[in-house]
Amino acid sequence: MGHWMKLKEDNPVPVRTAVRFPMKLPLQIQSPKGEFQAVTENISANGLLFVSEYLLEVNSRIEFTIAMPAAVMGSSTDVIIHCVGRVVRCFQQDDAKKAAAVIDEYFLKA
C-alpha cells in the first residue's frame, strides 16, 4: 500500500496574485554588491524578474529606477519610477543570472 502525503495548512503553496507582463526594460540597480545594470524579463504590480551579471542573495535590499514607456502608462512621456524592494528568489538559467524581487515602496519621479 502506498503512502500519501497531506499538505499542512501552515505551509501554504505560494500563489501569484498579480498578472505578469513580459517587458524588457533597462534597470539601474543599487544593491549590497554595488551599482549595476540589469534588464527586466517581466513586471507585475508586486514585483519583477530581471537578468543581470550578478546573482544576488535572497532578502538583499535593492533600489532601482525604471522608465515605464508612455504607451504602457497612458501618458505623453515615459514615467520614471524609483523602487525599493528585496530579492525573493535568484537562480541561474543557462548563462543568465536572474532574480525576482518584490517592490516594497515606489516613488514617481518628476
PDB file of N, CA and C in Angstrom:
ATOM      1  N   MET A   1       0.836  -1.166   0.000  1.00  0.00           N
ATOM      2  CA  MET A   1       0.000   0.000   0.000  1.00  0.00           C
ATOM      3  C   MET A   1       0.888   1.239   0.000  1.00  0.00           C
ATOM      4  N   GLY A   2       0.531   2.249  -0.826  1.00  0.00           N
ATOM      5  CA  GLY A   2       1.332   3.469  -0.949  1.00  0.00           C
ATOM      6  C   GLY A   2       1.128   4.411   0.214  1.00  0.00           C
ATOM      7  N   HIS A   3       2.067   5.297   0.377  1.00  0.00           N
ATOM      8  CA  HIS A   3       1.973   6.336   1.395  1.00  0.00           C
ATOM      9  C   HIS A   3       1.484   7.623   0.750  1.00  0.00           C
ATOM     10  N   TRP A   4       0.604   8.316   1.448  1.00  0.00           N
ATOM     11  CA  TRP A   4       0.073   9.583   0.956  1.00  0.00           C
ATOM     12  C   TRP A   4       0.591  10.700   1.834  1.00  0.00           C
ATOM     13  N   MET A   5       0.870  11.803   1.239  1.00  0.00           N
ATOM     14  CA  MET A   5       1.380  12.958   1.974  1.00  0.00           C
ATOM     15  C   MET A   5       0.322  14.055   1.952  1.00  0.00           C
ATOM     16  N   LYS A   6      -0.016  14.541   3.111  1.00  0.00           N
ATOM     17  CA  LYS A   6      -1.011  15.604   3.215  1.00  0.00           C
ATOM     18  C   LYS A   6      -0.308  16.940   3.357  1.00  0.00           C
ATOM     19  N   LEU A   7      -0.755  17.949   2.579  1.00  0.00           N
ATOM     20  CA  LEU A   7      -0.206  19.294   2.726  1.00  0.00           C
ATOM     21  C   LEU A   7      -0.690  19.887   4.034  1.00  0.00           C
ATOM     22  N   LYS A   8       0.219  20.498   4.756  1.00  0.00           N
ATOM     23  CA  LYS A   8      -0.161  21.149   6.011  1.00  0.00           C
ATOM     24  C   LYS A   8      -0.762  22.510   5.722  1.00  0.00           C
ATOM     25  N   GLU A   9      -1.745  22.910   6.519  1.00  0.00           N
ATOM     26  CA  GLU A   9      -2.357  24.220   6.355  1.00  0.00           C
ATOM     27  C   GLU A   9      -1.382  25.343   6.684  1.00  0.00           C
ATOM     28  N   ASP A  10      -0.404  25.082   7.576  1.00  0.00           N
ATOM     29  CA  ASP A  10       0.545  26.126   7.953  1.00  0.00           C
ATOM     30  C   ASP A  10       1.714  26.228   6.962  1.00  0.00           C
ATOM     31  N   ASN A  11       1.675  25.469   5.893  1.00  0.00           N
ATOM     32  CA  ASN A  11       2.709  25.517   4.868  1.00  0.00           C
ATOM     33  C   ASN A  11       2.041  25.728   3.511  1.00  0.00           C
ATOM     34  N   PRO A  12       1.471  26.922   3.279  1.00  0.00           N
ATOM     35  CA  PRO A  12       0.694  27.142   2.058  1.00  0.00           C
ATOM     36  C   PRO A  12       1.563  27.147   0.804  1.00  0.00           C
ATOM     37  N   VAL A  13       0.966  26.748  -0.285  1.00  0.00           N
ATOM     38  CA  VAL A  13       1.628  26.800  -1.580  1.00  0.00           C
ATOM     39  C   VAL A  13       1.521  28.234  -2.092  1.00  0.00           C
ATOM     40  N   PRO A  14       2.649  28.848  -2.500  1.00  0.00           N
ATOM     41  CA  PRO A  14       2.573  30.239  -2.946  1.00  0.00           C
ATOM     42  C   PRO A  14       1.729  30.368  -4.213  1.00  0.00           C
ATOM     43  N   VAL A  15       0.925  31.405  -4.247  1.00  0.00           N
ATOM     44  CA  VAL A  15       0.067  31.679  -5.394  1.00  0.00           C
ATOM     45  C   VAL A  15       0.383  33.076  -5.896  1.00  0.00           C
ATOM     46  N   ARG A  16       0.606  33.189  -7.196  1.00  0.00           N
ATOM     47  CA  ARG A  16       0.855  34.509  -7.772  1.00  0.00           C
ATOM     48  C   ARG A  16      -0.463  35.235  -7.884  1.00  0.00           C
ATOM     49  N   THR A  17      -0.500  36.438  -7.338  1.00  0.00           N
ATOM     50  CA  THR A  17      -1.755  37.183  -7.310  1.00  0.00           C
ATOM     51  C   THR A  17      -1.802  38.302  -8.343  1.00  0.00           C
ATOM     52  N   ALA A  18      -0.685  38.606  -8.980  1.00  0.00           N
ATOM     53  CA  ALA A  18      -0.659  39.705  -9.937  1.00  0.00           C
ATOM     54  C   ALA A  18      -0.307  39.187 -11.333  1.00  0.00           C
ATOM     55  N   VAL A  19      -0.911  39.782 -12.319  1.00  0.00           N
ATOM     56  CA  VAL A  19      -0.623  39.429 -13.705  1.00  0.00           C
ATOM     57  C   VAL A  19       0.775  39.909 -14.057  1.00  0.00           C
ATOM     58  N   ARG A  20       1.535  39.067 -14.729  1.00  0.00           N
ATOM     59  CA  ARG A  20       2.890  39.430 -15.143  1.00  0.00           C
ATOM     60  C   ARG A  20       2.882  39.852 -16.608  1.00  0.00           C
ATOM     61  N   PHE A  21       3.563  40.957 -16.885  1.00  0.00           N
ATOM     62  CA  PHE A  21       3.655  41.472 -18.242  1.00  0.00           C
ATOM     63  C   PHE A  21       5.077  41.294 -18.748  1.00  0.00           C
ATOM     64  N   PRO A  22       5.256  40.561 -19.843  1.00  0.00           N
ATOM     65  CA  PRO A  22       6.613  40.398 -20.383  1.00  0.00           C
ATOM     66  C   PRO A  22       7.102  41.719 -20.973  1.00  0.00           C
ATOM     67  N   MET A  23       8.118  42.306 -20.355  1.00  0.00           N
ATOM     68  CA  MET A  23       8.668  43.587 -20.811  1.00  0.00           C
ATOM     69  C   MET A  23      10.164  43.585 -20.581  1.00  0.00           C
ATOM     70  N   LYS A  24      10.910  43.950 -21.594  1.00  0.00           N
ATOM     71  CA  LYS A  24      12.359  44.066 -21.470  1.00  0.00           C
ATOM     72  C   LYS A  24      12.704  45.551 -21.375  1.00  0.00           C
ATOM     73  N   LEU A  25      12.953  45.996 -20.141  1.00  0.00           N
ATOM     74  CA  LEU A  25      13.283  47.394 -19.877  1.00  0.00           C
ATOM     75  C   LEU A  25      14.588  47.466 -19.098  1.00  0.00           C
ATOM     76  N   PRO A  26      15.426  48.467 -19.374  1.00  0.00           N
ATOM     77  CA  PRO A  26      16.686  48.598 -18.637  1.00  0.00           C
ATOM     78  C   PRO A  26      16.436  49.064 -17.199  1.00  0.00           C
ATOM     79  N   LEU A  27      17.254  48.547 -16.296  1.00  0.00           N
ATOM     80  CA  LEU A  27      17.199  48.923 -14.881  1.00  0.00           C
ATOM     81  C   LEU A  27      18.569  49.402 -14.438  1.00  0.00           C
ATOM     82  N   GLN A  28      18.579  50.345 -13.540  1.00  0.00           N
ATOM     83  CA  GLN A  28      19.793  50.758 -12.841  1.00  0.00           C
ATOM     84  C   GLN A  28      19.575  50.305 -11.399  1.00  0.00           C
ATOM     85  N   ILE A  29      20.333  49.310 -10.941  1.00  0.00           N
ATOM     86  CA  ILE A  29      20.107  48.710  -9.615  1.00  0.00           C
ATOM     87  C   ILE A  29      21.225  49.087  -8.655  1.00  0.00           C
ATOM     88  N   GLN A  30      20.828  49.425  -7.422  1.00  0.00           N
ATOM     89  CA  GLN A  30      21.776  49.620  -6.328  1.00  0.00           C
ATOM     90  C   GLN A  30      21.516  48.496  -5.335  1.00  0.00           C
ATOM     91  N   SER A  31      22.573  47.766  -4.987  1.00  0.00           N
ATOM     92  CA  SER A  31      22.443  46.618  -4.094  1.00  0.00           C
ATOM     93  C   SER A  31      23.658  46.548  -3.182  1.00  0.00           C
ATOM     94  N   PRO A  32      23.663  45.585  -2.246  1.00  0.00           N
ATOM     95  CA  PRO A  32      24.859  45.405  -1.422  1.00  0.00           C
ATOM     96  C   PRO A  32      26.106  45.080  -2.257  1.00  0.00           C
ATOM     97  N   LYS A  33      25.927  44.573  -3.497  1.00  0.00           N
ATOM     98  CA  LYS A  33      27.064  44.276  -4.377  1.00  0.00           C
ATOM     99  C   LYS A  33      27.509  45.499  -5.164  1.00  0.00           C
ATOM    100  N   GLY A  34      26.837  46.623  -4.973  1.00  0.00           N
ATOM    101  CA  GLY A  34      27.179  47.833  -5.695  1.00  0.00           C
ATOM    102  C   GLY A  34      26.103  48.208  -6.696  1.00  0.00           C
ATOM    103  N   GLU A  35      26.452  49.105  -7.611  1.00  0.00           N
ATOM    104  CA  GLU A  35      25.504  49.580  -8.610  1.00  0.00           C
ATOM    105  C   GLU A  35      25.789  48.876  -9.930  1.00  0.00           C
ATOM    106  N   PHE A  36      24.731  48.418 -10.624  1.00  0.00           N
ATOM    107  CA  PHE A  36      24.917  47.725 -11.888  1.00  0.00           C
ATOM    108  C   PHE A  36      23.660  47.822 -12.745  1.00  0.00           C
ATOM    109  N   GLN A  37      23.819  47.444 -14.005  1.00  0.00           N
ATOM    110  CA  GLN A  37      22.726  47.461 -14.964  1.00  0.00           C
ATOM    111  C   GLN A  37      22.053  46.085 -15.001  1.00  0.00           C
ATOM    112  N   ALA A  38      20.769  46.078 -15.327  1.00  0.00           N
ATOM    113  CA  ALA A  38      20.019  44.840 -15.493  1.00  0.00           C
ATOM    114  C   ALA A  38      18.915  45.101 -16.519  1.00  0.00           C
ATOM    115  N   VAL A  39      18.222  44.041 -16.907  1.00  0.00           N
ATOM    116  CA  VAL A  39      17.102  44.151 -17.845  1.00  0.00           C
ATOM    117  C   VAL A  39      15.949  43.323 -17.296  1.00  0.00           C
ATOM    118  N   THR A  40      14.765  43.913 -17.291  1.00  0.00           N
ATOM    119  CA  THR A  40      13.603  43.165 -16.800  1.00  0.00           C
ATOM    120  C   THR A  40      13.219  42.074 -17.793  1.00  0.00           C
ATOM    121  N   GLU A  41      12.660  41.007 -17.259  1.00  0.00           N
ATOM    122  CA  GLU A  41      12.085  39.961 -18.099  1.00  0.00           C
ATOM    123  C   GLU A  41      10.566  40.042 -18.052  1.00  0.00           C
ATOM    124  N   ASN A  42      10.059  40.300 -16.851  1.00  0.00           N
ATOM    125  CA  ASN A  42       8.627  40.560 -16.702  1.00  0.00           C
ATOM    126  C   ASN A  42       8.398  41.434 -15.478  1.00  0.00           C
ATOM    127  N   ILE A  43       7.241  42.106 -15.482  1.00  0.00           N
ATOM    128  CA  ILE A  43       6.893  43.042 -14.413  1.00  0.00           C
ATOM    129  C   ILE A  43       5.448  42.806 -14.017  1.00  0.00           C
ATOM    130  N   SER A  44       5.169  42.923 -12.718  1.00  0.00           N
ATOM    131  CA  SER A  44       3.795  42.882 -12.218  1.00  0.00           C
ATOM    132  C   SER A  44       3.626  44.030 -11.238  1.00  0.00           C
ATOM    133  N   ALA A  45       2.432  44.185 -10.718  1.00  0.00           N
ATOM    134  CA  ALA A  45       2.188  45.233  -9.724  1.00  0.00           C
ATOM    135  C   ALA A  45       2.972  44.967  -8.440  1.00  0.00           C
ATOM    136  N   ASN A  46       3.327  43.706  -8.186  1.00  0.00           N
ATOM    137  CA  ASN A  46       4.010  43.340  -6.944  1.00  0.00           C
ATOM    138  C   ASN A  46       5.525  43.268  -7.059  1.00  0.00           C
ATOM    139  N   GLY A  47       6.043  43.086  -8.273  1.00  0.00           N
ATOM    140  CA  GLY A  47       7.478  42.905  -8.396  1.00  0.00           C
ATOM    141  C   GLY A  47       7.921  42.700  -9.823  1.00  0.00           C
ATOM    142  N   LEU A  48       9.126  42.138  -9.971  1.00  0.00           N
ATOM    143  CA  LEU A  48       9.691  41.936 -11.292  1.00  0.00           C
ATOM    144  C   LEU A  48      10.704  40.808 -11.293  1.00  0.00           C
ATOM    145  N   LEU A  49      10.966  40.305 -12.484  1.00  0.00           N
ATOM    146  CA  LEU A  49      12.028  39.334 -12.709  1.00  0.00           C
ATOM    147  C   LEU A  49      13.024  40.025 -13.620  1.00  0.00           C
ATOM    148  N   PHE A  50      14.320  39.991 -13.246  1.00  0.00           N
ATOM    149  CA  PHE A  50      15.319  40.663 -14.060  1.00  0.00           C
ATOM    150  C   PHE A  50      16.553  39.795 -14.259  1.00  0.00           C
ATOM    151  N   VAL A  51      17.306  40.144 -15.292  1.00  0.00           N
ATOM    152  CA  VAL A  51      18.543  39.452 -15.647  1.00  0.00           C
ATOM    153  C   VAL A  51      19.680  40.441 -15.444  1.00  0.00           C
ATOM    154  N   SER A  52      20.761  39.976 -14.814  1.00  0.00           N
ATOM    155  CA  SER A  52      21.917  40.849 -14.604  1.00  0.00           C
ATOM    156  C   SER A  52      23.187  40.013 -14.636  1.00  0.00           C
ATOM    157  N   GLU A  53      24.304  40.669 -14.411  1.00  0.00           N
ATOM    158  CA  GLU A  53      25.577  39.949 -14.391  1.00  0.00           C
ATOM    159  C   GLU A  53      25.898  39.361 -13.014  1.00  0.00           C
ATOM    160  N   TYR A  54      25.052  39.639 -12.024  1.00  0.00           N
ATOM    161  CA  TYR A  54      25.288  39.165 -10.659  1.00  0.00           C
ATOM    162  C   TYR A  54      24.153  38.276 -10.165  1.00  0.00           C
ATOM    163  N   LEU A  55      24.487  37.318  -9.322  1.00  0.00           N
ATOM    164  CA  LEU A  55      23.483  36.559  -8.579  1.00  0.00           C
ATOM    165  C   LEU A  55      23.397  37.212  -7.207  1.00  0.00           C
ATOM    166  N   LEU A  56      22.276  37.799  -6.903  1.00  0.00           N
ATOM    167  CA  LEU A  56      22.092  38.461  -5.616  1.00  0.00           C
ATOM    168  C   LEU A  56      21.590  37.458  -4.588  1.00  0.00           C
ATOM    169  N   GLU A  57      21.797  37.757  -3.339  1.00  0.00           N
ATOM    170  CA  GLU A  57      21.320  36.878  -2.268  1.00  0.00           C
ATOM    171  C   GLU A  57      19.853  37.156  -1.973  1.00  0.00           C
ATOM    172  N   VAL A  58      19.127  36.099  -1.630  1.00  0.00           N
ATOM    173  CA  VAL A  58      17.736  36.249  -1.222  1.00  0.00           C
ATOM    174  C   VAL A  58      17.700  37.152   0.008  1.00  0.00           C
ATOM    175  N   ASN A  59      16.706  38.013   0.078  1.00  0.00           N
ATOM    176  CA  ASN A  59      16.498  39.016   1.126  1.00  0.00           C
ATOM    177  C   ASN A  59      17.402  40.236   0.986  1.00  0.00           C
ATOM    178  N   SER A  60      18.216  40.303  -0.088  1.00  0.00           N
ATOM    179  CA  SER A  60      19.014  41.501  -0.325  1.00  0.00           C
ATOM    180  C   SER A  60      18.076  42.670  -0.605  1.00  0.00           C
ATOM    181  N   ARG A  61      18.373  43.812  -0.006  1.00  0.00           N
ATOM    182  CA  ARG A  61      17.604  45.033  -0.277  1.00  0.00           C
ATOM    183  C   ARG A  61      18.155  45.648  -1.553  1.00  0.00           C
ATOM    184  N   ILE A  62      17.278  46.031  -2.454  1.00  0.00           N
ATOM    185  CA  ILE A  62      17.708  46.678  -3.682  1.00  0.00           C
ATOM    186  C   ILE A  62      16.892  47.947  -3.917  1.00  0.00           C
ATOM    187  N   GLU A  63      17.492  48.878  -4.622  1.00  0.00           N
ATOM    188  CA  GLU A  63      16.794  50.060  -5.103  1.00  0.00           C
ATOM    189  C   GLU A  63      17.031  50.106  -6.591  1.00  0.00           C
ATOM    190  N   PHE A  64      16.030  50.505  -7.342  1.00  0.00           N
ATOM    191  CA  PHE A  64      16.211  50.585  -8.777  1.00  0.00           C
ATOM    192  C   PHE A  64      15.303  51.641  -9.376  1.00  0.00           C
ATOM    193  N   THR A  65      15.731  52.122 -10.524  1.00  0.00           N
ATOM    194  CA  THR A  65      14.967  53.100 -11.277  1.00  0.00           C
ATOM    195  C   THR A  65      14.580  52.459 -12.594  1.00  0.00           C
ATOM    196  N   ILE A  66      13.333  52.639 -12.972  1.00  0.00           N
ATOM    197  CA  ILE A  66      12.829  52.053 -14.200  1.00  0.00           C
ATOM    198  C   ILE A  66      12.011  53.106 -14.947  1.00  0.00           C
ATOM    199  N   ALA A  67      12.188  53.155 -16.244  1.00  0.00           N
ATOM    200  CA  ALA A  67      11.413  54.076 -17.084  1.00  0.00           C
ATOM    201  C   ALA A  67      10.294  53.281 -17.739  1.00  0.00           C
ATOM    202  N   MET A  68       9.069  53.492 -17.271  1.00  0.00           N
ATOM    203  CA  MET A  68       7.914  52.809 -17.856  1.00  0.00           C
ATOM    204  C   MET A  68       7.504  53.573 -19.114  1.00  0.00           C
ATOM    205  N   PRO A  69       7.377  52.869 -20.243  1.00  0.00           N
ATOM    206  CA  PRO A  69       7.034  53.536 -21.504  1.00  0.00           C
ATOM    207  C   PRO A  69       5.702  54.281 -21.432  1.00  0.00           C
ATOM    208  N   ALA A  70       5.664  55.432 -22.095  1.00  0.00           N
ATOM    209  CA  ALA A  70       4.462  56.271 -22.114  1.00  0.00           C
ATOM    210  C   ALA A  70       3.244  55.487 -22.580  1.00  0.00           C
ATOM    211  N   ALA A  71       3.414  54.653 -23.599  1.00  0.00           N
ATOM    212  CA  ALA A  71       2.288  53.882 -24.151  1.00  0.00           C
ATOM    213  C   ALA A  71       1.702  52.927 -23.107  1.00  0.00           C
ATOM    214  N   VAL A  72       2.538  52.374 -22.275  1.00  0.00           N
ATOM    215  CA  VAL A  72       2.075  51.450 -21.234  1.00  0.00           C
ATOM    216  C   VAL A  72       1.359  52.200 -20.123  1.00  0.00           C
ATOM    217  N   MET A  73       1.879  53.390 -19.793  1.00  0.00           N
ATOM    218  CA  MET A  73       1.349  54.167 -18.679  1.00  0.00           C
ATOM    219  C   MET A  73       0.181  55.070 -19.084  1.00  0.00           C
ATOM    220  N   GLY A  74      -0.072  55.193 -20.388  1.00  0.00           N
ATOM    221  CA  GLY A  74      -1.150  56.062 -20.847  1.00  0.00           C
ATOM    222  C   GLY A  74      -0.830  57.529 -20.647  1.00  0.00           C
ATOM    223  N   SER A  75       0.449  57.878 -20.760  1.00  0.00           N
ATOM    224  CA  SER A  75       0.856  59.271 -20.586  1.00  0.00           C
ATOM    225  C   SER A  75       1.566  59.755 -21.853  1.00  0.00           C
ATOM    226  N   SER A  76       1.890  61.029 -21.890  1.00  0.00           N
ATOM    227  CA  SER A  76       2.545  61.585 -23.074  1.00  0.00           C
ATOM    228  C   SER A  76       4.059  61.364 -23.063  1.00  0.00           C
ATOM    229  N   THR A  77       4.625  61.079 -21.884  1.00  0.00           N
ATOM    230  CA  THR A  77       6.059  60.807 -21.763  1.00  0.00           C
ATOM    231  C   THR A  77       6.272  59.577 -20.885  1.00  0.00           C
ATOM    232  N   ASP A  78       7.475  59.011 -20.972  1.00  0.00           N
ATOM    233  CA  ASP A  78       7.814  57.886 -20.102  1.00  0.00           C
ATOM    234  C   ASP A  78       7.692  58.311 -18.642  1.00  0.00           C
ATOM    235  N   VAL A  79       7.338  57.369 -17.784  1.00  0.00           N
ATOM    236  CA  VAL A  79       7.203  57.640 -16.353  1.00  0.00           C
ATOM    237  C   VAL A  79       8.380  56.984 -15.636  1.00  0.00           C
ATOM    238  N   ILE A  80       9.170  57.788 -14.940  1.00  0.00           N
ATOM    239  CA  ILE A  80      10.330  57.286 -14.199  1.00  0.00           C
ATOM    240  C   ILE A  80       9.862  56.902 -12.796  1.00  0.00           C
ATOM    241  N   ILE A  81      10.133  55.653 -12.413  1.00  0.00           N
ATOM    242  CA  ILE A  81       9.718  55.149 -11.104  1.00  0.00           C
ATOM    243  C   ILE A  81      10.958  54.692 -10.340  1.00  0.00           C
ATOM    244  N   HIS A  82      11.104  55.185  -9.118  1.00  0.00           N
ATOM    245  CA  HIS A  82      12.186  54.739  -8.234  1.00  0.00           C
ATOM    246  C   HIS A  82      11.568  53.754  -7.246  1.00  0.00           C
ATOM    247  N   CYS A  83      12.137  52.558  -7.165  1.00  0.00           N
ATOM    248  CA  CYS A  83      11.569  51.495  -6.323  1.00  0.00           C
ATOM    249  C   CYS A  83      12.567  51.018  -5.278  1.00  0.00           C
ATOM    250  N   VAL A  84      12.032  50.606  -4.144  1.00  0.00           N
ATOM    251  CA  VAL A  84      12.793  49.953  -3.099  1.00  0.00           C
ATOM    252  C   VAL A  84      12.159  48.575  -2.921  1.00  0.00           C
ATOM    253  N   GLY A  85      12.985  47.551  -2.939  1.00  0.00           N
ATOM    254  CA  GLY A  85      12.443  46.196  -2.821  1.00  0.00           C
ATOM    255  C   GLY A  85      13.453  45.242  -2.238  1.00  0.00           C
ATOM    256  N   ARG A  86      13.144  43.959  -2.389  1.00  0.00           N
ATOM    257  CA  ARG A  86      14.055  42.920  -1.882  1.00  0.00           C
ATOM    258  C   ARG A  86      13.958  41.686  -2.761  1.00  0.00           C
ATOM    259  N   VAL A  87      15.067  41.013  -2.861  1.00  0.00           N
ATOM    260  CA  VAL A  87      15.167  39.816  -3.685  1.00  0.00           C
ATOM    261  C   VAL A  87      14.482  38.664  -2.953  1.00  0.00           C
ATOM    262  N   VAL A  88      13.587  37.970  -3.646  1.00  0.00           N
ATOM    263  CA  VAL A  88      12.883  36.835  -3.040  1.00  0.00           C
ATOM    264  C   VAL A  88      13.299  35.503  -3.658  1.00  0.00           C
ATOM    265  N   ARG A  89      13.961  35.570  -4.822  1.00  0.00           N
ATOM    266  CA  ARG A  89      14.402  34.342  -5.482  1.00  0.00           C
ATOM    267  C   ARG A  89      15.508  34.712  -6.451  1.00  0.00           C
ATOM    268  N   CYS A  90      16.521  33.849  -6.563  1.00  0.00           N
ATOM    269  CA  CYS A  90      17.557  34.053  -7.564  1.00  0.00           C
ATOM    270  C   CYS A  90      18.024  32.693  -8.074  1.00  0.00           C
ATOM    271  N   PHE A  91      18.401  32.665  -9.343  1.00  0.00           N
ATOM    272  CA  PHE A  91      18.802  31.411  -9.962  1.00  0.00           C
ATOM    273  C   PHE A  91      19.584  31.693 -11.229  1.00  0.00           C
ATOM    274  N   GLN A  92      20.285  30.673 -11.714  1.00  0.00           N
ATOM    275  CA  GLN A  92      20.990  30.786 -12.978  1.00  0.00           C
ATOM    276  C   GLN A  92      20.304  29.868 -13.971  1.00  0.00           C
ATOM    277  N   GLN A  93      19.987  30.399 -15.159  1.00  0.00           N
ATOM    278  CA  GLN A  93      19.329  29.640 -16.211  1.00  0.00           C
ATOM    279  C   GLN A  93      20.220  29.744 -17.434  1.00  0.00           C
ATOM    280  N   ASP A  94      20.855  28.626 -17.794  1.00  0.00           N
ATOM    281  CA  ASP A  94      21.894  28.628 -18.821  1.00  0.00           C
ATOM    282  C   ASP A  94      22.970  29.611 -18.378  1.00  0.00           C
ATOM    283  N   ASP A  95      23.274  30.618 -19.167  1.00  0.00           N
ATOM    284  CA  ASP A  95      24.298  31.595 -18.770  1.00  0.00           C
ATOM    285  C   ASP A  95      23.712  32.836 -18.116  1.00  0.00           C
ATOM    286  N   ALA A  96      22.389  32.899 -18.009  1.00  0.00           N
ATOM    287  CA  ALA A  96      21.735  34.097 -17.475  1.00  0.00           C
ATOM    288  C   ALA A  96      21.541  34.005 -15.968  1.00  0.00           C
ATOM    289  N   LYS A  97      21.931  35.061 -15.280  1.00  0.00           N
ATOM    290  CA  LYS A  97      21.708  35.163 -13.841  1.00  0.00           C
ATOM    291  C   LYS A  97      20.428  35.964 -13.642  1.00  0.00           C
ATOM    292  N   LYS A  98      19.447  35.382 -12.956  1.00  0.00           N
ATOM    293  CA  LYS A  98      18.133  36.005 -12.810  1.00  0.00           C
ATOM    294  C   LYS A  98      17.773  36.170 -11.345  1.00  0.00           C
ATOM    295  N   ALA A  99      16.975  37.193 -11.077  1.00  0.00           N
ATOM    296  CA  ALA A  99      16.480  37.426  -9.712  1.00  0.00           C
ATOM    297  C   ALA A  99      15.047  37.939  -9.794  1.00  0.00           C
ATOM    298  N   ALA A 100      14.238  37.491  -8.849  1.00  0.00           N
ATOM    299  CA  ALA A 100      12.882  38.004  -8.690  1.00  0.00           C
ATOM    300  C   ALA A 100      12.882  38.864  -7.442  1.00  0.00           C
ATOM    301  N   ALA A 101      12.243  40.021  -7.551  1.00  0.00           N
ATOM    302  CA  ALA A 101      12.195  40.947  -6.419  1.00  0.00           C
ATOM    303  C   ALA A 101      10.776  41.450  -6.220  1.00  0.00           C
ATOM    304  N   VAL A 102      10.415  41.668  -4.972  1.00  0.00           N
ATOM    305  CA  VAL A 102       9.143  42.312  -4.666  1.00  0.00           C
ATOM    306  C   VAL A 102       9.424  43.800  -4.483  1.00  0.00           C
ATOM    307  N   ILE A 103       8.407  44.595  -4.786  1.00  0.00           N
ATOM    308  CA  ILE A 103       8.520  46.036  -4.618  1.00  0.00           C
ATOM    309  C   ILE A 103       7.833  46.404  -3.308  1.00  0.00           C
ATOM    310  N   ASP A 104       8.607  46.942  -2.363  1.00  0.00           N
ATOM    311  CA  ASP A 104       8.066  47.344  -1.066  1.00  0.00           C
ATOM    312  C   ASP A 104       7.574  48.790  -1.083  1.00  0.00           C
ATOM    313  N   GLU A 105       8.282  49.659  -1.834  1.00  0.00           N
ATOM    314  CA  GLU A 105       7.916  51.068  -1.930  1.00  0.00           C
ATOM    315  C   GLU A 105       8.252  51.559  -3.323  1.00  0.00           C
ATOM    316  N   TYR A 106       7.509  52.546  -3.802  1.00  0.00           N
ATOM    317  CA  TYR A 106       7.887  53.173  -5.067  1.00  0.00           C
ATOM    318  C   TYR A 106       7.515  54.644  -5.043  1.00  0.00           C
ATOM    319  N   PHE A 107       8.270  55.409  -5.827  1.00  0.00           N
ATOM    320  CA  PHE A 107       8.091  56.849  -5.904  1.00  0.00           C
ATOM    321  C   PHE A 107       8.157  57.263  -7.366  1.00  0.00           C
ATOM    322  N   LEU A 108       7.212  58.072  -7.803  1.00  0.00           N
ATOM    323  CA  LEU A 108       7.240  58.596  -9.163  1.00  0.00           C
ATOM    324  C   LEU A 108       8.190  59.774  -9.188  1.00  0.00           C
ATOM    325  N   LYS A 109       9.053  59.833 -10.187  1.00  0.00           N
ATOM    326  CA  LYS A 109       9.984  60.950 -10.321  1.00  0.00           C
ATOM    327  C   LYS A 109       9.447  61.921 -11.338  1.00  0.00           C
ATOM    328  N   ALA A 110       9.491  63.184 -11.004  1.00  0.00           N
ATOM    329  CA  ALA A 110       9.003  64.226 -11.930  1.00  0.00           C
ATOM    330  C   ALA A 110      10.058  64.586 -12.943  1.00  0.00           C
TER     331      ALA A 110
END
